[in-house]
N, C-alpha and C. Protein backbone atom coordinates (compact mmCIF):
# COMPACT_ATOMS: atom_id res chain seq x y z
N VAL A 1 127.42 103.08 87.73
CA VAL A 1 126.36 103.92 87.19
C VAL A 1 125.40 104.27 88.32
N ALA A 2 125.14 105.55 88.48
CA ALA A 2 124.19 105.97 89.51
C ALA A 2 122.80 105.80 88.95
N VAL A 3 121.96 105.03 89.64
CA VAL A 3 120.63 104.73 89.12
C VAL A 3 119.57 105.15 90.11
N ALA A 4 118.70 106.08 89.71
CA ALA A 4 117.57 106.49 90.55
C ALA A 4 116.32 105.82 90.05
N ALA A 5 115.38 105.55 90.93
CA ALA A 5 114.11 104.97 90.50
C ALA A 5 113.37 105.98 89.66
N VAL A 6 112.96 105.58 88.48
CA VAL A 6 112.25 106.49 87.59
C VAL A 6 110.78 106.36 87.90
N ALA A 7 110.26 107.28 88.71
CA ALA A 7 108.93 107.11 89.27
C ALA A 7 107.83 107.62 88.40
N ALA A 8 108.12 108.16 87.22
CA ALA A 8 107.03 108.70 86.43
C ALA A 8 107.07 108.19 85.01
N ALA A 9 107.41 106.94 84.81
CA ALA A 9 107.44 106.40 83.46
C ALA A 9 106.05 105.97 83.06
N ALA A 10 105.89 105.59 81.80
CA ALA A 10 104.56 105.32 81.27
C ALA A 10 104.00 104.00 81.72
N THR A 11 102.76 104.01 82.22
CA THR A 11 102.11 102.76 82.60
C THR A 11 101.71 101.98 81.37
N ALA A 12 101.45 102.66 80.28
CA ALA A 12 101.03 101.97 79.06
C ALA A 12 102.22 101.61 78.19
N ALA A 13 103.37 101.45 78.78
CA ALA A 13 104.60 101.29 78.01
C ALA A 13 104.56 100.12 77.05
N THR A 14 103.91 99.04 77.43
CA THR A 14 103.90 97.87 76.55
C THR A 14 102.59 97.71 75.81
N ALA A 15 101.75 98.73 75.82
CA ALA A 15 100.43 98.61 75.20
C ALA A 15 100.52 98.52 73.69
N GLY A 16 101.61 99.05 73.10
CA GLY A 16 101.75 98.96 71.66
C GLY A 16 103.06 99.55 71.25
N SER A 17 103.65 99.05 70.20
CA SER A 17 104.98 99.51 69.81
C SER A 17 104.94 100.56 68.72
N ASP A 18 103.75 100.94 68.27
CA ASP A 18 103.66 101.91 67.19
C ASP A 18 103.17 103.25 67.67
N GLY A 19 102.85 103.39 68.96
CA GLY A 19 102.39 104.66 69.49
C GLY A 19 103.46 105.63 69.56
N SER A 20 103.78 105.64 69.43
CA SER A 20 104.77 106.65 69.19
C SER A 20 106.08 106.03 68.89
N GLY A 21 124.18 114.05 86.17
CA GLY A 21 124.56 113.76 87.28
C GLY A 21 125.91 113.64 87.60
N SER A 22 125.77 113.06 88.29
CA SER A 22 126.12 111.98 87.44
C SER A 22 124.81 111.46 86.97
N ASP A 23 124.72 111.18 85.70
CA ASP A 23 123.46 110.74 85.15
C ASP A 23 123.49 109.26 84.95
N GLY A 24 122.67 108.54 85.69
CA GLY A 24 122.66 107.10 85.59
C GLY A 24 121.48 106.64 84.77
N ALA A 25 120.89 105.46 85.28
CA ALA A 25 119.80 104.94 84.53
C ALA A 25 118.62 105.89 84.50
N PHE A 26 115.22 105.40 82.73
CA PHE A 26 114.08 106.04 82.21
C PHE A 26 113.88 106.46 83.20
N GLY A 27 104.23 105.34 75.79
CA GLY A 27 104.60 104.39 74.86
C GLY A 27 103.50 103.50 74.48
N GLY A 28 103.02 103.72 74.34
CA GLY A 28 102.11 102.72 73.87
C GLY A 28 101.12 103.35 72.95
N ALA A 29 99.93 102.76 72.82
CA ALA A 29 98.94 103.25 71.90
C ALA A 29 98.62 104.69 72.21
N GLY A 30 98.78 105.54 71.22
CA GLY A 30 98.54 106.95 71.44
C GLY A 30 99.61 107.56 72.32
N PHE A 31 100.53 106.74 72.76
CA PHE A 31 101.62 107.12 73.65
C PHE A 31 101.15 107.97 74.79
N GLU A 32 100.26 107.42 75.63
CA GLU A 32 99.79 108.12 76.81
C GLU A 32 100.77 107.86 77.93
N MET A 33 102.00 108.21 77.81
CA MET A 33 102.98 108.00 78.84
C MET A 33 102.44 108.56 80.11
N ALA A 34 102.04 107.73 81.04
CA ALA A 34 101.55 108.36 82.24
C ALA A 34 102.74 108.92 82.91
N ILE A 35 103.39 109.89 82.28
CA ILE A 35 104.49 110.55 82.97
C ILE A 35 103.93 111.08 84.27
N PRO A 36 102.64 111.43 84.40
CA PRO A 36 102.13 111.88 85.68
C PRO A 36 101.90 110.75 86.69
N ARG A 37 101.74 109.50 86.25
CA ARG A 37 101.39 108.45 87.21
C ARG A 37 102.63 107.74 87.70
N SER A 38 102.86 107.80 89.01
CA SER A 38 104.04 107.17 89.58
C SER A 38 103.86 105.65 89.63
N VAL A 39 104.91 104.95 89.27
CA VAL A 39 104.94 103.52 89.42
C VAL A 39 106.14 103.23 90.30
N VAL A 40 105.91 103.11 91.59
CA VAL A 40 107.02 102.95 92.53
C VAL A 40 106.92 101.56 93.13
N ALA A 41 107.21 100.57 92.32
CA ALA A 41 106.98 99.19 92.72
C ALA A 41 107.85 98.75 93.88
N TRP A 42 108.94 99.44 94.09
CA TRP A 42 109.92 98.93 95.04
C TRP A 42 110.04 99.78 96.30
N THR A 43 109.20 100.80 96.47
CA THR A 43 109.36 101.66 97.63
C THR A 43 108.10 101.79 98.47
N SER A 44 107.04 101.13 98.13
CA SER A 44 105.79 101.11 98.88
C SER A 44 105.10 102.46 98.94
N GLU A 45 105.38 103.36 98.01
CA GLU A 45 104.78 104.68 98.06
C GLU A 45 103.41 104.72 97.39
N GLU A 46 103.03 103.68 96.66
CA GLU A 46 101.70 103.66 96.08
C GLU A 46 100.85 102.67 96.85
N PRO A 47 99.54 102.89 96.93
CA PRO A 47 98.67 102.05 97.76
C PRO A 47 98.78 100.56 97.46
N SER A 48 98.96 100.21 96.19
CA SER A 48 98.98 98.79 95.84
C SER A 48 100.29 98.11 96.20
N SER A 49 101.23 98.84 96.77
CA SER A 49 102.53 98.27 97.06
C SER A 49 102.77 98.06 98.55
N LYS A 50 101.70 97.84 99.32
CA LYS A 50 101.86 97.71 100.77
C LYS A 50 102.74 96.53 101.14
N ALA A 51 102.81 95.55 100.26
CA ALA A 51 103.64 94.39 100.56
C ALA A 51 105.12 94.75 100.63
N PHE A 52 105.47 95.92 100.11
CA PHE A 52 106.88 96.31 100.09
C PHE A 52 107.26 97.21 101.28
N GLU A 53 106.32 97.45 102.19
CA GLU A 53 106.56 98.41 103.25
C GLU A 53 107.64 97.97 104.22
N LYS A 54 107.89 96.67 104.32
CA LYS A 54 108.85 96.19 105.30
C LYS A 54 110.28 96.57 104.95
N SER A 55 110.54 96.86 103.72
CA SER A 55 111.90 97.19 103.34
C SER A 55 111.92 98.12 102.14
N ARG A 56 112.74 99.15 102.21
CA ARG A 56 112.93 100.06 101.09
C ARG A 56 114.22 99.75 100.34
N GLU A 57 114.92 98.72 100.79
CA GLU A 57 116.12 98.32 100.09
C GLU A 57 115.74 97.49 98.87
N PRO A 58 116.33 97.79 97.71
CA PRO A 58 116.00 96.99 96.52
C PRO A 58 116.44 95.55 96.70
N PRO A 59 115.59 94.58 96.36
CA PRO A 59 115.97 93.18 96.49
C PRO A 59 117.00 92.80 95.44
N PRO A 60 117.72 91.72 95.65
CA PRO A 60 118.67 91.26 94.64
C PRO A 60 117.92 90.78 93.40
N ALA A 61 118.58 90.86 92.26
CA ALA A 61 117.95 90.41 91.01
C ALA A 61 117.62 88.93 91.11
N SER A 62 116.47 88.56 90.56
CA SER A 62 116.03 87.17 90.63
C SER A 62 115.06 86.89 89.49
N LYS A 63 114.75 85.61 89.32
CA LYS A 63 113.80 85.21 88.28
C LYS A 63 112.43 85.84 88.53
N GLN A 64 111.98 85.85 89.79
CA GLN A 64 110.69 86.46 90.10
C GLN A 64 110.69 87.95 89.82
N MET A 65 111.80 88.61 90.10
CA MET A 65 111.90 90.04 89.81
C MET A 65 111.77 90.27 88.31
N ALA A 66 112.40 89.41 87.53
CA ALA A 66 112.31 89.54 86.07
C ALA A 66 110.86 89.39 85.60
N ASP A 67 110.07 88.56 86.30
CA ASP A 67 108.65 88.44 85.96
C ASP A 67 107.94 89.78 86.15
N VAL A 68 108.31 90.50 87.20
CA VAL A 68 107.73 91.83 87.42
C VAL A 68 108.19 92.78 86.32
N TRP A 69 109.46 92.74 85.97
CA TRP A 69 109.96 93.60 84.90
C TRP A 69 109.20 93.36 83.60
N GLY A 70 108.78 92.12 83.38
CA GLY A 70 108.08 91.77 82.15
C GLY A 70 106.67 92.32 82.06
N LEU A 71 106.14 92.86 83.17
CA LEU A 71 104.80 93.45 83.13
C LEU A 71 104.76 94.68 82.24
N SER A 72 105.79 95.49 82.33
CA SER A 72 105.87 96.70 81.50
C SER A 72 107.25 97.32 81.67
N LEU A 73 107.61 98.16 80.74
CA LEU A 73 108.86 98.91 80.86
C LEU A 73 108.83 99.79 82.09
N SER A 74 107.66 100.29 82.45
CA SER A 74 107.52 101.11 83.65
C SER A 74 107.95 100.35 84.89
N ASP A 75 107.49 99.10 85.01
CA ASP A 75 107.85 98.31 86.18
C ASP A 75 109.34 97.99 86.20
N LEU A 76 109.93 97.81 85.04
CA LEU A 76 111.37 97.59 84.98
C LEU A 76 112.12 98.82 85.47
N LEU A 77 111.73 99.99 84.97
CA LEU A 77 112.45 101.22 85.32
C LEU A 77 112.17 101.67 86.74
N ALA A 78 111.06 101.21 87.32
CA ALA A 78 110.77 101.55 88.70
C ALA A 78 111.62 100.75 89.67
N SER A 79 112.30 99.74 89.18
CA SER A 79 113.17 98.92 90.01
C SER A 79 114.60 99.40 89.87
N PRO A 80 115.24 99.88 90.94
CA PRO A 80 116.65 100.29 90.85
C PRO A 80 117.54 99.18 90.30
N THR A 81 117.28 97.96 90.73
CA THR A 81 118.08 96.83 90.24
C THR A 81 117.85 96.62 88.75
N GLY A 82 116.60 96.66 88.34
CA GLY A 82 116.28 96.48 86.93
C GLY A 82 116.82 97.60 86.06
N ALA A 83 116.68 98.85 86.55
CA ALA A 83 117.18 99.99 85.78
C ALA A 83 118.69 99.92 85.62
N ALA A 84 119.39 99.47 86.66
CA ALA A 84 120.84 99.34 86.58
C ALA A 84 121.23 98.28 85.55
N MET A 85 120.52 97.13 85.59
CA MET A 85 120.83 96.07 84.62
C MET A 85 120.50 96.51 83.20
N LEU A 86 119.39 97.25 83.03
CA LEU A 86 119.04 97.73 81.71
C LEU A 86 120.09 98.71 81.19
N THR A 87 120.58 99.58 82.07
CA THR A 87 121.62 100.53 81.67
C THR A 87 122.87 99.80 81.19
N ASP A 88 123.28 98.78 81.93
CA ASP A 88 124.44 97.99 81.51
C ASP A 88 124.19 97.32 80.17
N PHE A 89 122.96 96.80 80.00
CA PHE A 89 122.62 96.15 78.74
C PHE A 89 122.65 97.15 77.58
N LEU A 90 122.08 98.33 77.80
CA LEU A 90 122.07 99.35 76.74
C LEU A 90 123.47 99.85 76.42
N ARG A 91 124.35 99.82 77.41
CA ARG A 91 125.73 100.21 77.13
C ARG A 91 126.37 99.25 76.13
N LEU A 92 126.02 97.97 76.26
CA LEU A 92 126.52 97.00 75.29
C LEU A 92 125.95 97.25 73.90
N GLU A 93 124.74 97.84 73.86
CA GLU A 93 124.12 98.18 72.58
C GLU A 93 124.48 99.60 72.14
N PHE A 94 125.35 100.24 72.90
CA PHE A 94 125.79 101.61 72.62
C PHE A 94 124.61 102.59 72.59
N SER A 95 123.66 102.38 73.52
CA SER A 95 122.51 103.29 73.58
C SER A 95 122.12 103.60 75.02
N ASP A 96 123.08 103.54 75.95
CA ASP A 96 122.75 103.81 77.34
C ASP A 96 122.41 105.28 77.57
N GLU A 97 122.68 106.15 76.59
CA GLU A 97 122.30 107.56 76.75
C GLU A 97 120.79 107.71 76.89
N ASN A 98 120.03 106.76 76.34
CA ASN A 98 118.57 106.85 76.42
C ASN A 98 118.07 106.79 77.86
N VAL A 99 118.49 105.77 78.58
CA VAL A 99 118.02 105.62 79.95
C VAL A 99 118.64 106.69 80.85
N ARG A 100 119.85 107.13 80.56
CA ARG A 100 120.49 108.20 81.32
C ARG A 100 119.71 109.51 81.14
N PHE A 101 119.26 109.77 79.92
CA PHE A 101 118.49 110.98 79.65
C PHE A 101 117.16 110.96 80.40
N VAL A 102 116.44 109.85 80.34
CA VAL A 102 115.14 109.78 80.99
C VAL A 102 115.29 109.96 82.49
N GLU A 103 116.31 109.37 83.07
CA GLU A 103 116.53 109.54 84.51
C GLU A 103 116.86 110.99 84.85
N ALA A 104 117.66 111.64 83.99
CA ALA A 104 118.01 113.04 84.23
C ALA A 104 116.76 113.92 84.20
N VAL A 105 115.85 113.64 83.28
CA VAL A 105 114.61 114.41 83.20
C VAL A 105 113.75 114.18 84.44
N GLU A 106 113.70 112.94 84.93
CA GLU A 106 112.93 112.67 86.13
C GLU A 106 113.53 113.37 87.34
N ARG A 107 114.85 113.46 87.41
CA ARG A 107 115.47 114.20 88.51
C ARG A 107 115.11 115.68 88.42
N LEU A 108 115.07 116.20 87.21
CA LEU A 108 114.68 117.60 87.01
C LEU A 108 113.29 117.84 87.59
N LYS A 109 112.36 116.95 87.33
CA LYS A 109 110.98 117.14 87.79
C LYS A 109 110.86 117.12 89.30
N ARG A 110 111.82 116.51 89.97
CA ARG A 110 111.79 116.48 91.43
C ARG A 110 112.63 117.58 92.06
N ALA A 111 113.30 118.36 91.25
CA ALA A 111 114.23 119.38 91.76
C ALA A 111 113.49 120.65 92.17
N PRO A 112 114.03 121.41 93.12
CA PRO A 112 113.41 122.68 93.50
C PRO A 112 113.52 123.70 92.38
N MET A 113 112.65 124.70 92.42
CA MET A 113 112.61 125.72 91.37
C MET A 113 113.95 126.42 91.19
N THR A 114 114.68 126.61 92.27
CA THR A 114 115.96 127.31 92.19
C THR A 114 116.99 126.54 91.37
N GLU A 115 116.83 125.21 91.32
CA GLU A 115 117.78 124.38 90.58
C GLU A 115 117.34 124.12 89.15
N MET A 116 116.06 124.38 88.85
CA MET A 116 115.50 124.00 87.56
C MET A 116 116.25 124.57 86.36
N PRO A 117 116.55 125.88 86.28
CA PRO A 117 117.25 126.40 85.09
C PRO A 117 118.60 125.74 84.85
N ARG A 118 119.36 125.54 85.92
CA ARG A 118 120.68 124.93 85.77
C ARG A 118 120.56 123.49 85.25
N LEU A 119 119.61 122.74 85.79
CA LEU A 119 119.44 121.36 85.35
C LEU A 119 118.97 121.28 83.91
N CYS A 120 118.11 122.19 83.51
CA CYS A 120 117.66 122.23 82.11
C CYS A 120 118.84 122.48 81.17
N ARG A 121 119.69 123.41 81.54
CA ARG A 121 120.88 123.68 80.71
C ARG A 121 121.79 122.45 80.66
N HIS A 122 121.94 121.80 81.81
CA HIS A 122 122.80 120.61 81.87
C HIS A 122 122.26 119.51 80.96
N ILE A 123 120.97 119.27 80.99
CA ILE A 123 120.37 118.23 80.15
C ILE A 123 120.56 118.56 78.67
N CYS A 124 120.39 119.82 78.33
CA CYS A 124 120.58 120.21 76.93
C CYS A 124 122.01 120.00 76.48
N THR A 125 122.97 120.42 77.29
CA THR A 125 124.38 120.31 76.88
C THR A 125 124.87 118.87 76.89
N GLN A 126 124.25 118.02 77.72
CA GLN A 126 124.69 116.63 77.81
C GLN A 126 123.97 115.70 76.85
N PHE A 127 122.69 116.01 76.52
CA PHE A 127 121.88 115.05 75.79
C PHE A 127 121.20 115.59 74.53
N VAL A 128 120.85 116.87 74.49
CA VAL A 128 120.00 117.37 73.42
C VAL A 128 120.78 118.04 72.30
N GLU A 129 121.77 118.83 72.62
CA GLU A 129 122.53 119.54 71.59
C GLU A 129 123.22 118.56 70.65
N ARG A 130 123.38 119.01 69.41
CA ARG A 130 124.11 118.20 68.45
C ARG A 130 125.53 117.98 68.93
N ASN A 131 126.02 116.74 68.79
CA ASN A 131 127.38 116.38 69.18
C ASN A 131 127.63 116.52 70.69
N SER A 132 126.56 116.49 71.47
CA SER A 132 126.72 116.52 72.92
C SER A 132 127.28 115.17 73.38
N PRO A 133 127.85 115.10 74.59
CA PRO A 133 128.51 113.87 75.05
C PRO A 133 127.62 112.63 75.02
N HIS A 134 126.31 112.81 75.30
CA HIS A 134 125.39 111.67 75.34
C HIS A 134 124.18 111.97 74.46
N GLU A 135 124.44 112.39 73.25
CA GLU A 135 123.36 112.85 72.35
C GLU A 135 122.30 111.77 72.14
N ILE A 136 121.04 112.15 72.37
CA ILE A 136 119.93 111.22 72.16
C ILE A 136 119.45 111.29 70.72
N ASN A 137 118.77 110.26 70.29
CA ASN A 137 118.30 110.15 68.92
C ASN A 137 116.89 110.73 68.79
N ILE A 138 116.80 112.03 68.51
CA ILE A 138 115.52 112.69 68.27
C ILE A 138 115.62 113.45 66.97
N ASP A 139 114.47 113.78 66.37
CA ASP A 139 114.52 114.46 65.08
C ASP A 139 114.93 115.92 65.25
N ALA A 140 115.34 116.53 64.14
CA ALA A 140 115.87 117.89 64.17
C ALA A 140 114.84 118.91 64.64
N VAL A 141 113.58 118.72 64.26
CA VAL A 141 112.53 119.66 64.66
C VAL A 141 112.35 119.64 66.18
N MET A 142 112.29 118.45 66.76
CA MET A 142 112.15 118.32 68.21
C MET A 142 113.37 118.90 68.93
N ARG A 143 114.54 118.65 68.38
CA ARG A 143 115.77 119.14 68.99
C ARG A 143 115.79 120.67 69.03
N GLU A 144 115.49 121.29 67.89
CA GLU A 144 115.51 122.75 67.82
C GLU A 144 114.42 123.36 68.69
N ALA A 145 113.25 122.75 68.71
CA ALA A 145 112.16 123.27 69.53
C ALA A 145 112.53 123.24 71.01
N THR A 146 113.19 122.16 71.43
CA THR A 146 113.60 122.05 72.83
C THR A 146 114.65 123.09 73.18
N LEU A 147 115.62 123.28 72.31
CA LEU A 147 116.67 124.27 72.57
C LEU A 147 116.11 125.69 72.57
N LYS A 148 115.06 125.92 71.77
CA LYS A 148 114.43 127.24 71.75
C LYS A 148 113.73 127.52 73.08
N ILE A 149 113.09 126.49 73.64
CA ILE A 149 112.45 126.67 74.95
C ILE A 149 113.49 127.04 75.99
N LEU A 150 114.64 126.40 75.92
CA LEU A 150 115.71 126.73 76.87
C LEU A 150 116.11 128.20 76.73
N GLN A 151 116.18 128.65 75.50
CA GLN A 151 116.56 130.05 75.25
C GLN A 151 115.48 131.02 75.71
N ASP A 152 114.22 130.66 75.46
CA ASP A 152 113.11 131.56 75.81
C ASP A 152 112.79 131.55 77.30
N GLY A 153 113.03 130.43 77.93
CA GLY A 153 112.71 130.31 79.36
C GLY A 153 112.49 128.86 79.73
N PRO A 154 113.45 128.21 80.37
CA PRO A 154 113.30 126.78 80.69
C PRO A 154 112.16 126.51 81.66
N ASN A 155 111.63 125.30 81.60
CA ASN A 155 110.56 124.91 82.52
C ASN A 155 110.61 123.40 82.75
N TYR A 156 109.81 122.94 83.70
CA TYR A 156 109.87 121.54 84.10
C TYR A 156 109.41 120.56 83.02
N THR A 157 108.61 121.00 82.09
CA THR A 157 108.05 120.08 81.10
C THR A 157 108.69 120.20 79.72
N MET A 158 109.77 120.95 79.62
CA MET A 158 110.34 121.23 78.30
C MET A 158 110.90 119.98 77.61
N PHE A 159 111.18 118.93 78.37
CA PHE A 159 111.75 117.73 77.76
C PHE A 159 110.73 116.60 77.59
N ASP A 160 109.46 116.88 77.85
CA ASP A 160 108.46 115.81 77.81
C ASP A 160 108.38 115.12 76.45
N GLU A 161 108.38 115.91 75.38
CA GLU A 161 108.29 115.30 74.04
C GLU A 161 109.53 114.47 73.75
N CYS A 162 110.69 114.97 74.11
CA CYS A 162 111.92 114.19 73.93
C CYS A 162 111.87 112.90 74.74
N GLN A 163 111.36 113.00 75.95
CA GLN A 163 111.29 111.83 76.82
C GLN A 163 110.35 110.78 76.23
N ARG A 164 109.23 111.23 75.69
CA ARG A 164 108.30 110.29 75.04
C ARG A 164 108.98 109.58 73.87
N ALA A 165 109.71 110.35 73.07
CA ALA A 165 110.37 109.76 71.89
C ALA A 165 111.41 108.73 72.31
N VAL A 166 112.19 109.07 73.32
CA VAL A 166 113.25 108.16 73.77
C VAL A 166 112.64 106.93 74.44
N PHE A 167 111.60 107.15 75.25
CA PHE A 167 110.93 106.03 75.91
C PHE A 167 110.38 105.07 74.86
N PHE A 168 109.82 105.63 73.81
CA PHE A 168 109.27 104.80 72.74
C PHE A 168 110.36 103.95 72.09
N LEU A 169 111.53 104.53 71.87
CA LEU A 169 112.63 103.79 71.27
C LEU A 169 113.06 102.62 72.15
N ILE A 170 113.15 102.88 73.45
CA ILE A 170 113.52 101.81 74.37
C ILE A 170 112.46 100.71 74.37
N ASN A 171 111.21 101.12 74.46
CA ASN A 171 110.12 100.16 74.54
C ASN A 171 109.97 99.34 73.26
N LYS A 172 110.25 99.97 72.15
CA LYS A 172 110.05 99.31 70.85
C LYS A 172 111.08 98.23 70.58
N GLY A 173 112.30 98.42 71.08
CA GLY A 173 113.34 97.45 70.75
C GLY A 173 114.13 96.91 71.92
N SER A 174 114.81 97.78 72.62
CA SER A 174 115.76 97.35 73.64
C SER A 174 115.08 96.61 74.79
N TYR A 175 113.87 97.02 75.15
CA TYR A 175 113.17 96.41 76.29
C TYR A 175 112.96 94.92 76.07
N ALA A 176 112.43 94.54 74.91
CA ALA A 176 112.18 93.12 74.62
C ALA A 176 113.49 92.35 74.55
N ARG A 177 114.51 92.94 73.94
CA ARG A 177 115.80 92.26 73.85
C ARG A 177 116.42 92.06 75.23
N PHE A 178 116.23 93.03 76.11
CA PHE A 178 116.76 92.91 77.46
C PHE A 178 116.10 91.75 78.20
N LEU A 179 114.77 91.65 78.10
CA LEU A 179 114.06 90.57 78.80
C LEU A 179 114.50 89.19 78.32
N LYS A 180 114.98 89.11 77.08
CA LYS A 180 115.42 87.83 76.53
C LYS A 180 116.93 87.66 76.60
N SER A 181 117.60 88.60 77.23
CA SER A 181 119.06 88.57 77.28
C SER A 181 119.57 87.47 78.22
N GLU A 182 120.80 87.10 78.03
CA GLU A 182 121.42 86.06 78.85
C GLU A 182 121.45 86.47 80.32
N GLN A 183 121.67 87.76 80.58
CA GLN A 183 121.74 88.26 81.96
C GLN A 183 120.42 88.02 82.70
N VAL A 184 119.31 88.24 82.02
CA VAL A 184 118.00 88.09 82.65
C VAL A 184 117.60 86.62 82.73
N LEU A 185 117.78 85.88 81.64
CA LEU A 185 117.36 84.49 81.61
C LEU A 185 118.16 83.63 82.59
N ALA A 186 119.36 84.08 82.94
CA ALA A 186 120.20 83.30 83.84
C ALA A 186 119.93 83.59 85.32
N LEU A 187 118.99 84.50 85.62
CA LEU A 187 118.72 84.84 87.02
C LEU A 187 118.17 83.65 87.79
N GLU A 188 118.59 83.54 89.05
CA GLU A 188 118.15 82.46 89.91
C GLU A 188 116.85 82.85 90.61
N PRO A 189 116.09 81.86 91.12
CA PRO A 189 114.87 82.18 91.87
C PRO A 189 115.18 83.02 93.11
N ALA A 190 114.22 83.83 93.50
CA ALA A 190 114.41 84.70 94.66
C ALA A 190 114.35 83.91 95.95
N ALA A 191 114.96 84.48 96.98
CA ALA A 191 114.83 83.91 98.30
C ALA A 191 113.36 83.97 98.73
N GLU A 192 112.96 83.05 99.59
CA GLU A 192 111.55 82.94 99.98
C GLU A 192 111.01 84.25 100.54
N GLU A 193 111.85 85.01 101.25
CA GLU A 193 111.38 86.24 101.89
C GLU A 193 110.92 87.27 100.87
N TRP A 194 111.46 87.19 99.62
CA TRP A 194 111.07 88.15 98.59
C TRP A 194 109.95 87.64 97.70
N ASN A 195 109.75 86.32 97.67
CA ASN A 195 108.84 85.74 96.70
C ASN A 195 107.42 86.29 96.81
N LYS A 196 106.89 86.40 98.04
CA LYS A 196 105.53 86.89 98.23
C LYS A 196 105.40 88.33 97.74
N ARG A 197 106.44 89.12 97.91
CA ARG A 197 106.37 90.51 97.47
C ARG A 197 106.21 90.61 95.96
N PHE A 198 106.96 89.77 95.23
CA PHE A 198 106.83 89.78 93.78
C PHE A 198 105.44 89.31 93.37
N THR A 199 104.95 88.25 94.03
CA THR A 199 103.62 87.73 93.72
C THR A 199 102.56 88.78 93.97
N ASP A 200 102.67 89.48 95.11
CA ASP A 200 101.70 90.54 95.43
C ASP A 200 101.77 91.67 94.43
N ARG A 201 102.99 92.01 93.97
CA ARG A 201 103.14 93.10 93.00
C ARG A 201 102.44 92.75 91.69
N ILE A 202 102.67 91.55 91.21
CA ILE A 202 102.05 91.13 89.95
C ILE A 202 100.53 91.12 90.10
N ALA A 203 100.03 90.58 91.22
CA ALA A 203 98.59 90.54 91.45
C ALA A 203 98.00 91.94 91.51
N ALA A 204 98.73 92.89 92.13
CA ALA A 204 98.24 94.26 92.22
C ALA A 204 98.15 94.91 90.85
N VAL A 205 99.15 94.67 90.00
CA VAL A 205 99.13 95.24 88.65
C VAL A 205 97.99 94.67 87.83
N VAL A 206 97.79 93.35 87.91
CA VAL A 206 96.70 92.72 87.17
C VAL A 206 95.36 93.26 87.65
N HIS A 207 95.18 93.40 88.96
CA HIS A 207 93.94 93.93 89.51
C HIS A 207 93.70 95.36 89.04
N SER A 208 94.76 96.16 89.03
CA SER A 208 94.64 97.54 88.58
C SER A 208 94.23 97.63 87.12
N LYS A 209 94.82 96.76 86.29
CA LYS A 209 94.47 96.77 84.88
C LYS A 209 93.03 96.33 84.66
N GLU A 210 92.58 95.36 85.45
CA GLU A 210 91.19 94.91 85.33
C GLU A 210 90.22 96.03 85.70
N LYS A 211 90.55 96.80 86.74
CA LYS A 211 89.70 97.93 87.13
C LYS A 211 89.66 98.98 86.04
N GLU A 212 90.82 99.25 85.43
CA GLU A 212 90.87 100.23 84.35
C GLU A 212 90.03 99.79 83.16
N GLU A 213 90.09 98.49 82.84
CA GLU A 213 89.30 97.97 81.73
C GLU A 213 87.81 98.08 82.00
N LYS A 214 87.41 97.81 83.26
CA LYS A 214 85.99 97.94 83.62
C LYS A 214 85.53 99.38 83.49
N ARG A 215 86.37 100.31 83.96
CA ARG A 215 86.00 101.73 83.85
C ARG A 215 85.88 102.15 82.39
N SER A 216 86.82 101.64 81.55
CA SER A 216 86.77 101.98 80.14
C SER A 216 85.52 101.42 79.48
N GLY A 217 85.10 100.24 79.92
CA GLY A 217 83.92 99.62 79.34
C GLY A 217 82.62 100.28 79.69
N THR A 218 82.62 100.98 80.85
CA THR A 218 81.38 101.64 81.29
C THR A 218 81.34 103.12 80.90
N SER A 219 82.44 103.65 80.39
CA SER A 219 82.47 105.07 80.04
C SER A 219 82.01 105.30 78.62
């Protein structure tokens, strides 16, 4: 399975469960999917990830890595290793089309304008149309509205509502089951060279959340 880092998943993915290619591997209260906010935990592209600058290679799966995945679905999907394991897990649940769809949409958002119409058509024929090879579970109104946008004129944001719905489904059920799965619970501790990076990542996320809470309290 080809797995790209999903850099624009929701930061509030675990805030609440009621808020709402080859194609490989992706919510909360009010479902403010920070689809605009990148969470690139494994590539050092965000300021809080300086500890990862020494290597852009994804580390091997480990118990410490699973602790990072447990911070939010966003952190899981930002990890190529985690996204690959989640895709395999969802395949066992016969729902890997969800993570494949979200990744395809993220690739679309990074594609040049000249490629955008073709990729939009590809996503529709593979995931959105009824009886498509990897049909996602969205309601009929959302499905028809998305296909109408394709007909009227495709654009980079035409799948945002579908992506929110699918992300919500993953976050509501499969995410928690994955974290408790045998594959994750059986992971061994990380090598010492990676341990500090995981610790720094968790500390950075906690610090960021504390800052956001302070800003919310003063606004």
